[in-house]
Protein backbone atom coordinates (compact mmCIF):
# COMPACT_ATOMS: atom_id res chain seq x y z
CA MET A 1 -3.51 -11.24 9.51
CA LYS A 2 -0.07 -9.71 9.52
CA ASP A 3 -0.48 -5.49 9.41
CA VAL A 4 2.12 -5.83 6.11
CA LEU A 5 0.89 -7.33 3.10
CA PRO A 6 3.00 -6.79 0.99
CA SER A 7 5.62 -4.91 2.92
CA ARG A 8 9.01 -4.30 0.96
CA SER A 9 11.42 -1.60 0.60
CA SER A 10 12.03 0.21 -2.85
CA SER A 11 12.73 3.75 -4.23
CA THR A 12 9.16 4.22 -3.36
CA GLY A 13 9.52 3.42 0.30
CA THR A 14 8.21 0.57 2.82
CA ARG A 15 4.34 0.16 2.27
CA THR A 16 1.90 -1.42 4.67
CA CYS A 17 -1.55 -2.00 4.70
CA ARG A 18 -3.71 -2.92 7.89
CA PRO A 19 -6.98 -2.36 9.20
CA VAL A 20 -7.82 1.05 10.49
CA ARG A 21 -6.70 0.57 14.63
CA ASP A 22 -8.44 2.96 16.30
CA THR A 23 -11.11 6.29 16.24
CA ASP A 24 -8.50 8.78 15.23
CA GLU A 25 -7.05 5.99 11.98
CA LEU A 26 -11.13 5.71 11.01
CA ALA A 27 -11.12 9.54 10.99
CA VAL A 28 -7.41 9.64 8.81
CA HIS A 29 -9.06 6.89 6.05
CA HIS A 30 -12.53 8.93 5.88
CA ARG A 31 -10.63 11.91 5.05
CA ILE A 32 -8.72 10.60 2.41
CA ARG A 33 -11.83 9.41 0.51
CA ARG A 34 -13.57 12.16 0.96
CA HIS A 35 -10.07 14.32 -0.29
CA VAL A 36 -10.63 11.55 -3.30
CA PHE A 37 -13.97 11.20 -4.13
CA VAL A 38 -15.23 14.92 -3.39
CA GLU A 39 -12.74 17.15 -3.12
CA GLU A 40 -10.67 15.64 -6.13
CA GLN A 41 -12.57 13.47 -8.42
CA GLY A 42 -16.42 15.09 -7.59
CA LEU A 43 -17.92 11.99 -7.51
CA PHE A 44 -20.04 13.02 -4.27
CA PRO A 45 -21.31 16.32 -3.49
CA ASP A 46 -20.37 16.13 0.53
CA ASP A 47 -19.11 13.03 1.58
CA ASP A 48 -18.50 9.52 0.37
CA ARG A 49 -19.65 7.16 3.20
CA ASP A 50 -22.99 5.33 3.62
CA VAL A 51 -24.40 2.81 5.00
CA HIS A 52 -21.35 0.15 5.28
CA ASP A 53 -19.18 2.71 6.85
CA ASP A 54 -21.47 1.96 9.95
CA ASP A 55 -21.67 -1.74 9.34
CA PRO A 56 -19.23 -3.55 12.28
CA ALA A 57 -18.58 -6.30 9.44
CA THR A 58 -16.67 -3.56 7.10
CA VAL A 59 -13.30 -3.63 6.95
CA HIS A 60 -12.02 -0.09 7.13
CA VAL A 61 -7.76 -0.63 5.83
CA LEU A 62 -5.26 1.73 5.59
CA GLY A 63 -2.17 2.11 3.30
CA LEU A 64 0.71 3.19 4.24
CA VAL A 65 4.23 4.56 2.46
CA ASP A 66 7.18 5.02 5.06
CA GLY A 67 4.05 5.11 7.67
CA GLN A 68 1.96 7.77 6.40
CA PRO A 69 -0.83 7.32 5.14
CA ALA A 70 -1.22 7.31 1.63
CA GLY A 71 -4.80 5.13 0.77
CA THR A 72 -7.44 3.34 1.28
CA VAL A 73 -9.87 0.60 0.63
CA ARG A 74 -12.57 -0.82 2.74
CA LEU A 75 -13.80 -4.12 2.25
CA TYR A 76 -17.45 -6.05 3.85
CA PRO A 77 -19.39 -9.38 3.34
CA LEU A 78 -22.18 -9.45 0.93
CA ALA A 79 -23.75 -13.26 1.19
CA GLY A 80 -22.36 -16.28 2.34
CA GLU A 81 -18.50 -16.36 0.90
CA LEU A 82 -19.32 -13.07 -1.28
CA TRP A 83 -17.38 -10.21 -0.47
CA LYS A 84 -16.96 -6.35 -1.77
CA GLY A 85 -14.58 -4.09 -1.77
CA ASP A 86 -14.87 -0.51 -2.67
CA ARG A 87 -13.40 2.81 -1.96
CA LEU A 88 -9.96 2.34 -2.84
CA ALA A 89 -8.34 5.91 -2.95
CA VAL A 90 -4.97 6.55 -3.13
CA LEU A 91 -3.73 10.36 -3.10
CA ALA A 92 -2.44 11.88 -5.75
CA GLU A 93 0.85 12.16 -4.37
CA GLN A 94 1.00 9.03 -3.46
CA ARG A 95 0.07 7.59 -6.79
CA HIS A 96 3.42 6.65 -8.11
CA SER A 97 4.51 4.51 -4.47
CA GLY A 98 3.02 1.37 -5.15
CA ILE A 99 0.60 1.48 -2.36
CA GLY A 100 -2.44 0.51 -5.06
CA GLY A 101 -1.71 -2.95 -5.57
CA PRO A 102 -1.07 -3.54 -2.14
CA LEU A 103 -3.83 -2.26 -0.64
CA VAL A 104 -6.31 -4.24 -3.27
CA ARG A 105 -4.21 -7.24 -2.30
CA PHE A 106 -4.60 -7.05 1.24
CA ALA A 107 -8.44 -7.08 0.70
CA VAL A 108 -8.73 -9.83 -1.10
CA ALA A 109 -6.26 -11.79 1.19
CA THR A 110 -8.70 -10.15 4.20
CA ALA A 111 -11.76 -11.35 2.73
CA ALA A 112 -10.10 -14.90 2.14
CA GLU A 113 -9.31 -15.20 5.52
CA ARG A 114 -12.63 -13.83 6.68
CA GLY A 115 -14.29 -16.97 4.92
CA GLY A 116 -14.72 -15.64 1.30
CA ARG A 117 -14.01 -16.92 -1.31
CA ARG A 118 -15.25 -14.30 -3.80
CA MET A 119 -14.65 -10.75 -4.11
CA ASP A 120 -16.47 -8.05 -6.34
CA ALA A 121 -15.71 -4.79 -6.97
CA THR A 122 -16.99 -1.83 -9.49
CA VAL A 123 -14.02 0.07 -10.13
CA GLN A 124 -13.81 3.50 -12.77
CA ALA A 125 -12.83 1.93 -15.81
CA VAL A 126 -9.74 3.34 -16.40
CA ASN A 127 -8.66 1.11 -13.90
CA THR A 128 -9.69 -1.90 -15.08
CA ALA A 129 -6.10 -2.58 -16.17
CA PHE A 130 -4.43 -2.28 -13.28
CA PHE A 131 -7.05 -5.29 -11.70
CA VAL A 132 -6.66 -7.42 -14.40
CA GLY A 133 -2.99 -7.07 -13.69
CA LEU A 134 -4.11 -7.88 -10.22
CA GLY A 135 -6.11 -11.30 -11.23
CA TRP A 136 -9.04 -9.51 -11.36
CA THR A 137 -11.88 -10.66 -14.52
CA PRO A 138 -14.30 -7.78 -16.04
CA VAL A 139 -17.87 -8.55 -16.03
CA GLY A 140 -19.93 -8.03 -18.81
CA GLU A 141 -19.44 -3.82 -20.14
CA PRO A 142 -18.39 -0.69 -18.30
CA VAL A 143 -21.45 1.35 -17.25
CA GLU A 144 -21.88 4.91 -16.35
CA HIS A 145 -21.87 5.25 -12.54
CA LEU A 146 -21.63 8.44 -10.42
CA GLY A 147 -21.23 10.13 -13.86
CA VAL A 148 -18.03 8.50 -14.78
CA PRO A 149 -17.86 4.68 -16.85
CA HIS A 150 -17.17 2.00 -14.47
CA GLN A 151 -16.32 -1.92 -15.10
CA ALA A 152 -17.71 -4.67 -12.36
CA MET A 153 -14.78 -6.76 -11.28
CA THR A 154 -14.13 -10.59 -10.00
CA ILE A 155 -12.16 -12.09 -8.70
CA GLY A 156 -12.17 -15.62 -6.99
CA PHE A 157 -9.89 -17.17 -4.22
């Protein structure tokens, strides 16, 4: 897969998404997640890492704006052709840069490239319309998760 999917220049800069390349980039990936999910949103007490972070099948993705780390997402296979996308995190100062959509699209394209046919995600309910705009479909009603309403979503490809 190309590193850039999509990459374009605009008033918000060049956006690039790619899997982390080394342990330093993985550390940046985790720092962004920790900043967003622990420090900013308070969803986790100390760290948001779990067993999926240590699984070699997990793909950790960095989103860059003008070459600077701006956001993350991770994805991993669940069963057969089903993949899970989660831990989408964009730094507050980059939330208007347009990196969120490319991160989600990159995760879906990466799963498809690796044999996936569907991806599921559970997103904060306030982000439901964003995901619908990217072609995802809500599943069921929102439920409380980590003290915040979340919506199950799915996309076929």
